[in-house]
Amino acid sequence: MKDNSPKILLARRNDQSDSIYFGPFPSSNDLKIVLKLIRKIFPYQSVKNHPKKYCLYFHLGMCPCPPMFKTQSEITNYKKNIRHIINFFEGNTKKVIRDLEIERNNLSKKEDFEQARKIQEKINAINLITTKKHNPFEYEINPNLKSDLRGKELSELLNSLRDNDVKINKLYRIECYDISNISGVFATGSMVVFINGEKSSENYRRFKIKRPPKTIPNDFAMMREVIKRRLTHKEWGTPDLIIVDGGKGQISSANKALFEVNAEIPLIGIAKREELLITSDFKIIRLPRNSEALNLVKRIRDEAHRFAITYHKKLRSNYLISGQTKGIGKK
């Protein structure tokens, strides 16, 4: 770990005091498969004495070769990858994801959406490879396995909400809302819909904020506007649960929107950092990190965030293109 570019190596013996070891593992083949997946997320060097030139894995985006380490920033970024891998093998995947989410949010604030997108892809990949897998044979035994798993998530969430005095009857249709903007500019809102725990993309809606704040960005007012506009569309149906991405401020705004249109719909928020659920009367629900219910809410929240950012980037891109077009021919 003291090297500028620590290596990830397979070892048969634990005989170097300055190295970090994991294992032993029951299957070297399974270990190699996991390392191959991790390497696509966090590129690393895999040979002790790497040639001072670019290798094949560099061209595959899986190896930061020695010629890349010309600045302290490049060395720091590489060591950050190594720390993520260490946390991964220590079982701290939640910490890895939290660190990446913070990095993604910081990049978004700096308007570096391309890098933010790459970080989000890493988060998605980690969630994919750490999600519990089911043997295809299980589907032969139980063809309804997928719906049973979704049913388990929904049932756990429903029971958790009821146990915390949320008046809710069912969870057939869940809607989640998120706001995306840069200092109030190109402000957008997203609505994603999950039916019986599964994405229902044809019911997604996106909103261009009509009354963005003229001074300080006000995500709360934007959330209020989006939910109020949505609830005027009776033809879209009525959600059994509304989820907002955020804490007490967003919940207060959603409550005002519900009051203004005289709607009584169960409402919860999910706090960004602590991953806590907050009810409409600000009661905090702490679910275990491995809770099926929490994973369901986080999956819905992440989809709303992705959808909001996509529309925000589209508006921003259209603005830049139109500005360039108007500038053609000017001297």
C-alpha atoms as a PDB file:
ATOM      1  CA  MET A   1       0.000   0.000   0.000  1.00  0.00           C
ATOM      2  CA  LYS A   2       3.006   2.336   0.313  1.00  0.00           C
ATOM      3  CA  ASP A   3       3.607   2.176  -3.443  1.00  0.00           C
ATOM      4  CA  ASN A   4       2.371   4.940  -5.702  1.00  0.00           C
ATOM      5  CA  SER A   5       0.474   2.292  -7.650  1.00  0.00           C
ATOM      6  CA  PRO A   6      -0.453  -0.674  -5.419  1.00  0.00           C
ATOM      7  CA  LYS A   7      -1.131  -3.908  -7.290  1.00  0.00           C
ATOM      8  CA  ILE A   8      -3.929  -6.458  -6.933  1.00  0.00           C
ATOM      9  CA  LEU A   9      -2.263  -9.880  -7.067  1.00  0.00           C
ATOM     10  CA  LEU A  10      -3.264 -13.489  -6.476  1.00  0.00           C
ATOM     11  CA  ALA A  11      -1.163 -15.016  -3.704  1.00  0.00           C
ATOM     12  CA  ARG A  12      -0.599 -18.533  -2.361  1.00  0.00           C
ATOM     13  CA  ARG A  13       1.126 -17.423   0.846  1.00  0.00           C
ATOM     14  CA  ASN A  14       0.759 -14.614   3.349  1.00  0.00           C
ATOM     15  CA  ASP A  15       4.442 -13.718   3.618  1.00  0.00           C
ATOM     16  CA  GLN A  16       4.708  -9.931   3.076  1.00  0.00           C
ATOM     17  CA  SER A  17       4.020  -7.756   6.101  1.00  0.00           C
ATOM     18  CA  ASP A  18       3.579  -4.575   4.032  1.00  0.00           C
ATOM     19  CA  SER A  19       0.749  -6.071   1.943  1.00  0.00           C
ATOM     20  CA  ILE A  20      -2.961  -6.532   2.689  1.00  0.00           C
ATOM     21  CA  TYR A  21      -4.302 -10.066   2.277  1.00  0.00           C
ATOM     22  CA  PHE A  22      -7.832 -11.409   1.850  1.00  0.00           C
ATOM     23  CA  GLY A  23      -8.877 -15.023   1.958  1.00  0.00           C
ATOM     24  CA  PRO A  24      -8.319 -17.866   1.710  1.00  0.00           C
ATOM     25  CA  PHE A  25     -11.114 -18.370  -0.802  1.00  0.00           C
ATOM     26  CA  PRO A  26     -12.663 -21.786  -1.501  1.00  0.00           C
ATOM     27  CA  SER A  27     -12.503 -21.366  -5.292  1.00  0.00           C
ATOM     28  CA  SER A  28      -9.811 -19.522  -7.227  1.00  0.00           C
ATOM     29  CA  ASN A  29     -12.004 -19.587 -10.362  1.00  0.00           C
ATOM     30  CA  ASP A  30     -14.852 -17.814  -8.577  1.00  0.00           C
ATOM     31  CA  LEU A  31     -12.364 -15.307  -7.164  1.00  0.00           C
ATOM     32  CA  LYS A  32     -11.020 -14.546 -10.644  1.00  0.00           C
ATOM     33  CA  ILE A  33     -14.555 -13.946 -11.913  1.00  0.00           C
ATOM     34  CA  VAL A  34     -15.236 -11.483  -9.083  1.00  0.00           C
ATOM     35  CA  LEU A  35     -11.921  -9.701  -9.697  1.00  0.00           C
ATOM     36  CA  LYS A  36     -12.735  -9.421 -13.403  1.00  0.00           C
ATOM     37  CA  LEU A  37     -16.039  -7.741 -12.569  1.00  0.00           C
ATOM     38  CA  ILE A  38     -14.456  -5.420 -10.011  1.00  0.00           C
ATOM     39  CA  ARG A  39     -11.707  -4.450 -12.431  1.00  0.00           C
ATOM     40  CA  LYS A  40     -14.287  -3.088 -14.866  1.00  0.00           C
ATOM     41  CA  ILE A  41     -15.555  -0.817 -12.103  1.00  0.00           C
ATOM     42  CA  PHE A  42     -12.248   0.069 -10.424  1.00  0.00           C
ATOM     43  CA  PRO A  43      -9.348  -0.417 -12.859  1.00  0.00           C
ATOM     44  CA  TYR A  44      -6.117  -1.675 -11.266  1.00  0.00           C
ATOM     45  CA  GLN A  45      -2.685  -3.075 -12.140  1.00  0.00           C
ATOM     46  CA  SER A  46      -2.420  -6.843 -11.825  1.00  0.00           C
ATOM     47  CA  VAL A  47       1.312  -7.523 -12.270  1.00  0.00           C
ATOM     48  CA  LYS A  48       4.061  -6.816  -9.751  1.00  0.00           C
ATOM     49  CA  ASN A  49       6.466  -5.121 -12.176  1.00  0.00           C
ATOM     50  CA  HIS A  50       4.354  -3.461 -14.816  1.00  0.00           C
ATOM     51  CA  PRO A  51       6.218  -2.502 -18.046  1.00  0.00           C
ATOM     52  CA  LYS A  52       6.529   1.248 -18.414  1.00  0.00           C
ATOM     53  CA  LYS A  53       4.217   1.287 -21.397  1.00  0.00           C
ATOM     54  CA  TYR A  54       0.546   0.839 -22.116  1.00  0.00           C
ATOM     55  CA  CYS A  55      -0.746  -2.741 -21.999  1.00  0.00           C
ATOM     56  CA  LEU A  56      -3.763  -4.492 -23.540  1.00  0.00           C
ATOM     57  CA  TYR A  57      -5.856  -4.008 -20.399  1.00  0.00           C
ATOM     58  CA  PHE A  58      -5.325  -0.261 -20.667  1.00  0.00           C
ATOM     59  CA  HIS A  59      -7.080  -0.247 -24.038  1.00  0.00           C
ATOM     60  CA  LEU A  60      -9.921  -2.243 -22.461  1.00  0.00           C
ATOM     61  CA  GLY A  61     -10.245   0.423 -19.763  1.00  0.00           C
ATOM     62  CA  MET A  62      -9.165  -1.964 -16.993  1.00  0.00           C
ATOM     63  CA  CYS A  63      -5.575  -0.946 -16.190  1.00  0.00           C
ATOM     64  CA  PRO A  64      -4.065   2.448 -15.312  1.00  0.00           C
ATOM     65  CA  CYS A  65      -0.580   1.871 -16.710  1.00  0.00           C
ATOM     66  CA  PRO A  66       2.625   3.560 -15.386  1.00  0.00           C
ATOM     67  CA  PRO A  67       2.681   6.257 -18.131  1.00  0.00           C
ATOM     68  CA  MET A  68      -0.560   7.614 -16.641  1.00  0.00           C
ATOM     69  CA  PHE A  69       0.928   8.478 -13.245  1.00  0.00           C
ATOM     70  CA  LYS A  70       2.401  11.858 -14.110  1.00  0.00           C
ATOM     71  CA  THR A  71       0.616  13.952 -11.509  1.00  0.00           C
ATOM     72  CA  GLN A  72      -0.277  13.586  -7.845  1.00  0.00           C
ATOM     73  CA  SER A  73      -3.960  13.774  -8.811  1.00  0.00           C
ATOM     74  CA  GLU A  74      -3.647  10.654 -10.986  1.00  0.00           C
ATOM     75  CA  ILE A  75      -1.887   8.786  -8.168  1.00  0.00           C
ATOM     76  CA  THR A  76      -4.560   9.883  -5.668  1.00  0.00           C
ATOM     77  CA  ASN A  77      -7.386   8.748  -7.952  1.00  0.00           C
ATOM     78  CA  TYR A  78      -5.736   5.364  -8.456  1.00  0.00           C
ATOM     79  CA  LYS A  79      -5.281   4.845  -4.715  1.00  0.00           C
ATOM     80  CA  LYS A  80      -8.939   5.772  -4.257  1.00  0.00           C
ATOM     81  CA  ASN A  81      -9.809   2.841  -6.538  1.00  0.00           C
ATOM     82  CA  ILE A  82      -7.631   0.549  -4.426  1.00  0.00           C
ATOM     83  CA  ARG A  83      -9.334   1.693  -1.214  1.00  0.00           C
ATOM     84  CA  HIS A  84     -12.724   0.973  -2.763  1.00  0.00           C
ATOM     85  CA  ILE A  85     -11.559  -2.549  -3.646  1.00  0.00           C
ATOM     86  CA  ILE A  86     -10.292  -3.086  -0.083  1.00  0.00           C
ATOM     87  CA  ASN A  87     -13.630  -1.937   1.322  1.00  0.00           C
ATOM     88  CA  PHE A  88     -15.370  -4.231  -1.133  1.00  0.00           C
ATOM     89  CA  PHE A  89     -13.452  -7.307   0.061  1.00  0.00           C
ATOM     90  CA  GLU A  90     -13.962  -6.283   3.682  1.00  0.00           C
ATOM     91  CA  GLY A  91     -17.686  -6.437   3.012  1.00  0.00           C
ATOM     92  CA  ASN A  92     -18.210  -2.672   3.240  1.00  0.00           C
ATOM     93  CA  THR A  93     -19.981  -2.308  -0.106  1.00  0.00           C
ATOM     94  CA  LYS A  94     -22.435   0.165   1.447  1.00  0.00           C
ATOM     95  CA  LYS A  95     -19.526   2.468   2.317  1.00  0.00           C
ATOM     96  CA  VAL A  96     -18.172   2.179  -1.226  1.00  0.00           C
ATOM     97  CA  ILE A  97     -21.555   3.161  -2.636  1.00  0.00           C
ATOM     98  CA  ARG A  98     -21.961   6.053  -0.176  1.00  0.00           C
ATOM     99  CA  ASP A  99     -18.515   7.417  -1.101  1.00  0.00           C
ATOM    100  CA  LEU A 100     -19.341   7.133  -4.794  1.00  0.00           C
ATOM    101  CA  GLU A 101     -22.701   8.856  -4.312  1.00  0.00           C
ATOM    102  CA  ILE A 102     -20.994  11.776  -2.564  1.00  0.00           C
ATOM    103  CA  GLU A 103     -18.477  11.987  -5.403  1.00  0.00           C
ATOM    104  CA  ARG A 104     -21.293  11.827  -7.985  1.00  0.00           C
ATOM    105  CA  ASN A 105     -23.255  14.603  -6.275  1.00  0.00           C
ATOM    106  CA  ASN A 106     -20.173  16.831  -6.049  1.00  0.00           C
ATOM    107  CA  LEU A 107     -19.469  16.340  -9.746  1.00  0.00           C
ATOM    108  CA  SER A 108     -23.081  17.202 -10.589  1.00  0.00           C
ATOM    109  CA  LYS A 109     -22.824  20.442  -8.610  1.00  0.00           C
ATOM    110  CA  LYS A 110     -19.715  21.297 -10.632  1.00  0.00           C
ATOM    111  CA  GLU A 111     -21.702  20.588 -13.847  1.00  0.00           C
ATOM    112  CA  ASP A 112     -19.335  17.738 -14.738  1.00  0.00           C
ATOM    113  CA  PHE A 113     -22.194  15.517 -15.854  1.00  0.00           C
ATOM    114  CA  GLU A 114     -20.068  13.162 -17.945  1.00  0.00           C
ATOM    115  CA  GLN A 115     -17.941  12.145 -14.962  1.00  0.00           C
ATOM    116  CA  ALA A 116     -21.043  12.041 -12.746  1.00  0.00           C
ATOM    117  CA  ARG A 117     -22.607   9.618 -15.217  1.00  0.00           C
ATOM    118  CA  LYS A 118     -19.534   7.374 -15.073  1.00  0.00           C
ATOM    119  CA  ILE A 119     -19.696   7.328 -11.265  1.00  0.00           C
ATOM    120  CA  GLN A 120     -23.381   6.402 -11.443  1.00  0.00           C
ATOM    121  CA  GLU A 121     -22.499   3.529 -13.785  1.00  0.00           C
ATOM    122  CA  LYS A 122     -20.056   2.246 -11.146  1.00  0.00           C
ATOM    123  CA  ILE A 123     -22.781   2.432  -8.499  1.00  0.00           C
ATOM    124  CA  ASN A 124     -25.154   0.508 -10.750  1.00  0.00           C
ATOM    125  CA  ALA A 125     -22.497  -2.124 -11.469  1.00  0.00           C
ATOM    126  CA  ILE A 126     -21.732  -2.639  -7.763  1.00  0.00           C
ATOM    127  CA  ASN A 127     -25.434  -2.979  -6.976  1.00  0.00           C
ATOM    128  CA  LEU A 128     -25.710  -5.537  -9.774  1.00  0.00           C
ATOM    129  CA  ILE A 129     -22.834  -7.786  -8.705  1.00  0.00           C
ATOM    130  CA  THR A 130     -23.724  -7.614  -5.000  1.00  0.00           C
ATOM    131  CA  THR A 131     -27.423  -8.314  -5.470  1.00  0.00           C
ATOM    132  CA  LYS A 132     -28.490 -11.753  -4.376  1.00  0.00           C
ATOM    133  CA  LYS A 133     -28.503 -14.046  -7.405  1.00  0.00           C
ATOM    134  CA  HIS A 134     -30.933 -16.872  -7.995  1.00  0.00           C
ATOM    135  CA  ASN A 135     -30.074 -20.080  -9.794  1.00  0.00           C
ATOM    136  CA  PRO A 136     -32.094 -20.519 -13.026  1.00  0.00           C
ATOM    137  CA  PHE A 137     -33.129 -23.901 -11.631  1.00  0.00           C
ATOM    138  CA  GLU A 138     -35.085 -22.030  -8.941  1.00  0.00           C
ATOM    139  CA  TYR A 139     -37.333 -20.611 -11.689  1.00  0.00           C
ATOM    140  CA  GLU A 140     -38.077 -24.151 -12.890  1.00  0.00           C
ATOM    141  CA  ILE A 141     -39.192 -25.056  -9.386  1.00  0.00           C
ATOM    142  CA  ASN A 142     -41.073 -21.767  -8.958  1.00  0.00           C
ATOM    143  CA  PRO A 143     -41.960 -19.943 -12.222  1.00  0.00           C
ATOM    144  CA  ASN A 144     -43.331 -17.072 -10.129  1.00  0.00           C
ATOM    145  CA  LEU A 145     -40.036 -16.488  -8.304  1.00  0.00           C
ATOM    146  CA  LYS A 146     -39.582 -12.931  -9.580  1.00  0.00           C
ATOM    147  CA  SER A 147     -43.076 -11.840  -8.612  1.00  0.00           C
ATOM    148  CA  ASP A 148     -42.640 -13.595  -5.249  1.00  0.00           C
ATOM    149  CA  LEU A 149     -39.438 -11.613  -4.595  1.00  0.00           C
ATOM    150  CA  ARG A 150     -41.167  -8.339  -5.484  1.00  0.00           C
ATOM    151  CA  GLY A 151     -44.094  -9.368  -3.317  1.00  0.00           C
ATOM    152  CA  LYS A 152     -41.741  -9.909  -0.395  1.00  0.00           C
ATOM    153  CA  GLU A 153     -40.252  -6.421  -0.832  1.00  0.00           C
ATOM    154  CA  LEU A 154     -43.676  -4.800  -1.055  1.00  0.00           C
ATOM    155  CA  SER A 155     -45.022  -6.750   1.901  1.00  0.00           C
ATOM    156  CA  GLU A 156     -42.071  -5.754   4.096  1.00  0.00           C
ATOM    157  CA  LEU A 157     -42.419  -2.093   3.102  1.00  0.00           C
ATOM    158  CA  LEU A 158     -46.175  -2.133   3.673  1.00  0.00           C
ATOM    159  CA  ASN A 159     -45.770  -3.664   7.130  1.00  0.00           C
ATOM    160  CA  SER A 160     -42.983  -1.203   8.046  1.00  0.00           C
ATOM    161  CA  LEU A 161     -45.161   1.756   7.080  1.00  0.00           C
ATOM    162  CA  ARG A 162     -48.180   0.432   8.958  1.00  0.00           C
ATOM    163  CA  ASP A 163     -46.041  -0.248  12.036  1.00  0.00           C
ATOM    164  CA  ASN A 164     -45.115   3.441  11.962  1.00  0.00           C
ATOM    165  CA  ASP A 165     -48.711   4.664  11.761  1.00  0.00           C
ATOM    166  CA  VAL A 166     -48.773   5.379   8.018  1.00  0.00           C
ATOM    167  CA  LYS A 167     -52.358   4.890   6.857  1.00  0.00           C
ATOM    168  CA  ILE A 168     -51.882   2.821   3.725  1.00  0.00           C
ATOM    169  CA  ASN A 169     -53.913  -0.018   2.247  1.00  0.00           C
ATOM    170  CA  LYS A 170     -51.815  -1.351  -0.603  1.00  0.00           C
ATOM    171  CA  LEU A 171     -48.697  -0.721  -2.699  1.00  0.00           C
ATOM    172  CA  TYR A 172     -49.850  -1.471  -6.213  1.00  0.00           C
ATOM    173  CA  ARG A 173     -48.757   1.881  -7.689  1.00  0.00           C
ATOM    174  CA  ILE A 174     -45.787   3.776  -6.227  1.00  0.00           C
ATOM    175  CA  GLU A 175     -44.673   7.146  -7.599  1.00  0.00           C
ATOM    176  CA  CYS A 176     -41.351   8.811  -6.810  1.00  0.00           C
ATOM    177  CA  TYR A 177     -40.323  12.413  -7.506  1.00  0.00           C
ATOM    178  CA  ASP A 178     -36.953  14.117  -7.835  1.00  0.00           C
ATOM    179  CA  ILE A 179     -35.737  17.591  -8.805  1.00  0.00           C
ATOM    180  CA  SER A 180     -32.631  18.333 -10.888  1.00  0.00           C
ATOM    181  CA  ASN A 181     -31.145  21.799 -11.518  1.00  0.00           C
ATOM    182  CA  ILE A 182     -27.982  23.899 -11.427  1.00  0.00           C
ATOM    183  CA  SER A 183     -28.514  26.981  -9.284  1.00  0.00           C
ATOM    184  CA  GLY A 184     -32.133  26.996 -10.412  1.00  0.00           C
ATOM    185  CA  VAL A 185     -31.247  26.903 -14.130  1.00  0.00           C
ATOM    186  CA  PHE A 186     -32.743  24.229 -16.431  1.00  0.00           C
ATOM    187  CA  ALA A 187     -34.782  23.034 -13.455  1.00  0.00           C
ATOM    188  CA  THR A 188     -36.675  19.812 -14.061  1.00  0.00           C
ATOM    189  CA  GLY A 189     -38.745  17.347 -12.110  1.00  0.00           C
ATOM    190  CA  SER A 190     -39.197  13.646 -12.697  1.00  0.00           C
ATOM    191  CA  MET A 191     -41.945  11.206 -11.836  1.00  0.00           C
ATOM    192  CA  VAL A 192     -41.234   7.485 -12.071  1.00  0.00           C
ATOM    193  CA  VAL A 193     -43.852   4.814 -11.523  1.00  0.00           C
ATOM    194  CA  PHE A 194     -43.469   1.304 -10.158  1.00  0.00           C
ATOM    195  CA  ILE A 195     -46.341  -1.153 -10.551  1.00  0.00           C
ATOM    196  CA  ASN A 196     -46.205  -4.139  -8.202  1.00  0.00           C
ATOM    197  CA  GLY A 197     -42.540  -3.371  -7.508  1.00  0.00           C
ATOM    198  CA  GLU A 198     -41.498  -3.222 -11.190  1.00  0.00           C
ATOM    199  CA  LYS A 199     -40.664  -0.205 -13.364  1.00  0.00           C
ATOM    200  CA  SER A 200     -43.530   1.027 -15.515  1.00  0.00           C
ATOM    201  CA  SER A 201     -41.648   3.237 -17.975  1.00  0.00           C
ATOM    202  CA  GLU A 202     -44.706   4.064 -20.062  1.00  0.00           C
ATOM    203  CA  ASN A 203     -46.137   5.903 -17.045  1.00  0.00           C
ATOM    204  CA  TYR A 204     -43.039   8.024 -16.395  1.00  0.00           C
ATOM    205  CA  ARG A 205     -43.527  11.782 -16.656  1.00  0.00           C
ATOM    206  CA  ARG A 206     -41.127  14.712 -16.662  1.00  0.00           C
ATOM    207  CA  PHE A 207     -41.768  18.346 -15.825  1.00  0.00           C
ATOM    208  CA  LYS A 208     -40.022  21.518 -16.902  1.00  0.00           C
ATOM    209  CA  ILE A 209     -40.295  23.891 -13.944  1.00  0.00           C
ATOM    210  CA  LYS A 210     -42.571  26.771 -14.980  1.00  0.00           C
ATOM    211  CA  ARG A 211     -41.768  29.092 -12.087  1.00  0.00           C
ATOM    212  CA  PRO A 212     -38.098  28.650 -11.240  1.00  0.00           C
ATOM    213  CA  PRO A 213     -36.878  30.943  -8.428  1.00  0.00           C
ATOM    214  CA  LYS A 214     -35.332  34.185  -9.638  1.00  0.00           C
ATOM    215  CA  THR A 215     -32.718  34.341  -6.900  1.00  0.00           C
ATOM    216  CA  ILE A 216     -31.779  31.452  -4.606  1.00  0.00           C
ATOM    217  CA  PRO A 217     -32.643  27.974  -5.959  1.00  0.00           C
ATOM    218  CA  ASN A 218     -35.579  26.534  -4.038  1.00  0.00           C
ATOM    219  CA  ASP A 219     -35.864  22.792  -4.492  1.00  0.00           C
ATOM    220  CA  PHE A 220     -38.758  22.751  -2.024  1.00  0.00           C
ATOM    221  CA  ALA A 221     -40.896  25.112  -4.106  1.00  0.00           C
ATOM    222  CA  MET A 222     -40.036  23.122  -7.234  1.00  0.00           C
ATOM    223  CA  MET A 223     -41.095  19.870  -5.581  1.00  0.00           C
ATOM    224  CA  ARG A 224     -44.376  21.491  -4.550  1.00  0.00           C
ATOM    225  CA  GLU A 225     -45.000  22.695  -8.112  1.00  0.00           C
ATOM    226  CA  VAL A 226     -44.271  19.301  -9.694  1.00  0.00           C
ATOM    227  CA  ILE A 227     -46.481  17.268  -7.357  1.00  0.00           C
ATOM    228  CA  LYS A 228     -49.312  19.804  -7.575  1.00  0.00           C
ATOM    229  CA  ARG A 229     -49.184  19.728 -11.385  1.00  0.00           C
ATOM    230  CA  ARG A 230     -49.101  15.953 -11.421  1.00  0.00           C
ATOM    231  CA  LEU A 231     -52.158  15.653  -9.163  1.00  0.00           C
ATOM    232  CA  THR A 232     -54.253  17.718 -11.565  1.00  0.00           C
ATOM    233  CA  HIS A 233     -54.003  14.812 -14.029  1.00  0.00           C
ATOM    234  CA  LYS A 234     -56.713  12.514 -12.720  1.00  0.00           C
ATOM    235  CA  GLU A 235     -56.445  10.463 -15.911  1.00  0.00           C
ATOM    236  CA  TRP A 236     -53.010   9.206 -14.779  1.00  0.00           C
ATOM    237  CA  GLY A 237     -54.578   7.354 -11.888  1.00  0.00           C
ATOM    238  CA  THR A 238     -53.944   7.723  -8.154  1.00  0.00           C
ATOM    239  CA  PRO A 239     -50.756   6.453  -6.492  1.00  0.00           C
ATOM    240  CA  ASP A 240     -50.961   4.275  -3.404  1.00  0.00           C
ATOM    241  CA  LEU A 241     -47.714   5.839  -2.137  1.00  0.00           C
ATOM    242  CA  ILE A 242     -45.695   8.928  -3.021  1.00  0.00           C
ATOM    243  CA  ILE A 243     -41.937   8.935  -2.379  1.00  0.00           C
ATOM    244  CA  VAL A 244     -39.876  12.127  -2.526  1.00  0.00           C
ATOM    245  CA  ASP A 245     -36.105  12.217  -2.741  1.00  0.00           C
ATOM    246  CA  GLY A 246     -35.139  14.227   0.315  1.00  0.00           C
ATOM    247  CA  GLY A 247     -35.946  14.965   3.928  1.00  0.00           C
ATOM    248  CA  LYS A 248     -38.276  17.207   5.902  1.00  0.00           C
ATOM    249  CA  GLY A 249     -38.118  20.152   3.472  1.00  0.00           C
ATOM    250  CA  GLN A 250     -39.226  18.084   0.493  1.00  0.00           C
ATOM    251  CA  ILE A 251     -41.890  16.325   2.577  1.00  0.00           C
ATOM    252  CA  SER A 252     -43.298  19.674   3.771  1.00  0.00           C
ATOM    253  CA  SER A 253     -43.507  20.845   0.158  1.00  0.00           C
ATOM    254  CA  ALA A 254     -45.240  17.655  -0.930  1.00  0.00           C
ATOM    255  CA  ASN A 255     -47.676  17.975   2.010  1.00  0.00           C
ATOM    256  CA  LYS A 256     -48.578  21.500   0.884  1.00  0.00           C
ATOM    257  CA  ALA A 257     -49.212  20.283  -2.659  1.00  0.00           C
ATOM    258  CA  LEU A 258     -51.459  17.489  -1.387  1.00  0.00           C
ATOM    259  CA  PHE A 259     -53.372  19.951   0.819  1.00  0.00           C
ATOM    260  CA  GLU A 260     -53.843  22.456  -2.017  1.00  0.00           C
ATOM    261  CA  VAL A 261     -55.468  19.856  -4.283  1.00  0.00           C
ATOM    262  CA  ASN A 262     -57.366  18.230  -1.394  1.00  0.00           C
ATOM    263  CA  ALA A 263     -55.673  14.840  -1.865  1.00  0.00           C
ATOM    264  CA  GLU A 264     -54.995  12.281   0.852  1.00  0.00           C
ATOM    265  CA  ILE A 265     -52.177  10.040  -0.374  1.00  0.00           C
ATOM    266  CA  PRO A 266     -49.595   8.301   1.839  1.00  0.00           C
ATOM    267  CA  LEU A 267     -46.253  10.093   1.579  1.00  0.00           C
ATOM    268  CA  ILE A 268     -42.688   9.294   2.647  1.00  0.00           C
ATOM    269  CA  GLY A 269     -39.262  10.749   1.942  1.00  0.00           C
ATOM    270  CA  ILE A 270     -35.867   9.086   1.862  1.00  0.00           C
ATOM    271  CA  ALA A 271     -32.973  11.058   3.309  1.00  0.00           C
ATOM    272  CA  LYS A 272     -29.966  11.076   0.990  1.00  0.00           C
ATOM    273  CA  ARG A 273     -27.070  10.328   3.341  1.00  0.00           C
ATOM    274  CA  GLU A 274     -28.530   8.321   6.185  1.00  0.00           C
ATOM    275  CA  GLU A 275     -30.930   6.345   3.939  1.00  0.00           C
ATOM    276  CA  LEU A 276     -33.709   6.898   6.491  1.00  0.00           C
ATOM    277  CA  LEU A 277     -37.393   6.869   5.631  1.00  0.00           C
ATOM    278  CA  ILE A 278     -39.375   9.854   6.907  1.00  0.00           C
ATOM    279  CA  THR A 279     -43.172   9.862   7.098  1.00  0.00           C
ATOM    280  CA  SER A 280     -45.457  12.780   6.251  1.00  0.00           C
ATOM    281  CA  ASP A 281     -45.617  13.693   9.953  1.00  0.00           C
ATOM    282  CA  PHE A 282     -41.780  13.564  10.149  1.00  0.00           C
ATOM    283  CA  LYS A 283     -41.517  10.268  11.969  1.00  0.00           C
ATOM    284  CA  ILE A 284     -38.197   8.545  11.198  1.00  0.00           C
ATOM    285  CA  ILE A 285     -38.189   4.902  10.118  1.00  0.00           C
ATOM    286  CA  ARG A 286     -34.829   3.172  10.505  1.00  0.00           C
ATOM    287  CA  LEU A 287     -34.661   0.012   8.430  1.00  0.00           C
ATOM    288  CA  PRO A 288     -31.705  -2.413   8.422  1.00  0.00           C
ATOM    289  CA  ARG A 289     -29.206  -1.861   5.614  1.00  0.00           C
ATOM    290  CA  ASN A 290     -30.046  -5.273   4.176  1.00  0.00           C
ATOM    291  CA  SER A 291     -33.793  -4.671   4.433  1.00  0.00           C
ATOM    292  CA  GLU A 292     -35.792  -5.724   1.364  1.00  0.00           C
ATOM    293  CA  ALA A 293     -38.094  -2.752   1.928  1.00  0.00           C
ATOM    294  CA  LEU A 294     -35.207  -0.253   2.046  1.00  0.00           C
ATOM    295  CA  ASN A 295     -33.642  -1.745  -1.086  1.00  0.00           C
ATOM    296  CA  LEU A 296     -36.959  -1.330  -2.902  1.00  0.00           C
ATOM    297  CA  VAL A 297     -37.289   2.336  -1.908  1.00  0.00           C
ATOM    298  CA  LYS A 298     -33.659   3.038  -2.830  1.00  0.00           C
ATOM    299  CA  ARG A 299     -34.106   1.362  -6.216  1.00  0.00           C
ATOM    300  CA  ILE A 300     -37.158   3.526  -6.918  1.00  0.00           C
ATOM    301  CA  ARG A 301     -35.377   6.677  -5.670  1.00  0.00           C
ATOM    302  CA  ASP A 302     -32.291   6.006  -7.831  1.00  0.00           C
ATOM    303  CA  GLU A 303     -34.493   5.543 -10.889  1.00  0.00           C
ATOM    304  CA  ALA A 304     -36.197   8.900 -10.247  1.00  0.00           C
ATOM    305  CA  HIS A 305     -32.775  10.546  -9.866  1.00  0.00           C
ATOM    306  CA  ARG A 306     -31.543   9.001 -13.121  1.00  0.00           C
ATOM    307  CA  PHE A 307     -34.663  10.089 -15.005  1.00  0.00           C
ATOM    308  CA  ALA A 308     -34.468  13.672 -13.666  1.00  0.00           C
ATOM    309  CA  ILE A 309     -30.793  14.069 -14.596  1.00  0.00           C
ATOM    310  CA  THR A 310     -31.451  12.699 -18.101  1.00  0.00           C
ATOM    311  CA  TYR A 311     -34.104  15.341 -18.808  1.00  0.00           C
ATOM    312  CA  HIS A 312     -32.031  18.095 -17.189  1.00  0.00           C
ATOM    313  CA  LYS A 313     -29.074  17.242 -19.454  1.00  0.00           C
ATOM    314  CA  LYS A 314     -31.370  17.219 -22.499  1.00  0.00           C
ATOM    315  CA  LEU A 315     -32.666  20.733 -21.751  1.00  0.00           C
ATOM    316  CA  ARG A 316     -29.151  21.992 -21.152  1.00  0.00           C
ATOM    317  CA  SER A 317     -27.884  20.390 -24.367  1.00  0.00           C
ATOM    318  CA  ASN A 318     -30.784  21.829 -26.413  1.00  0.00           C
ATOM    319  CA  TYR A 319     -30.037  25.281 -25.015  1.00  0.00           C
ATOM    320  CA  LEU A 320     -26.367  25.050 -25.972  1.00  0.00           C
ATOM    321  CA  ILE A 321     -27.204  23.787 -29.472  1.00  0.00           C
ATOM    322  CA  SER A 322     -29.767  26.538 -30.061  1.00  0.00           C
ATOM    323  CA  GLY A 323     -27.267  29.138 -28.822  1.00  0.00           C
ATOM    324  CA  GLN A 324     -24.639  27.878 -31.260  1.00  0.00           C
ATOM    325  CA  THR A 325     -27.174  27.885 -34.090  1.00  0.00           C
ATOM    326  CA  LYS A 326     -28.179  31.476 -33.400  1.00  0.00           C
ATOM    327  CA  GLY A 327     -24.505  32.441 -33.443  1.00  0.00           C
ATOM    328  CA  ILE A 328     -23.873  31.102 -36.963  1.00  0.00           C
ATOM    329  CA  GLY A 329     -23.028  33.824 -39.468  1.00  0.00           C
ATOM    330  CA  LYS A 330     -22.400  36.511 -36.859  1.00  0.00           C
ATOM    331  CA  LYS A 331     -19.194  38.493 -36.994  1.00  0.00           C
END
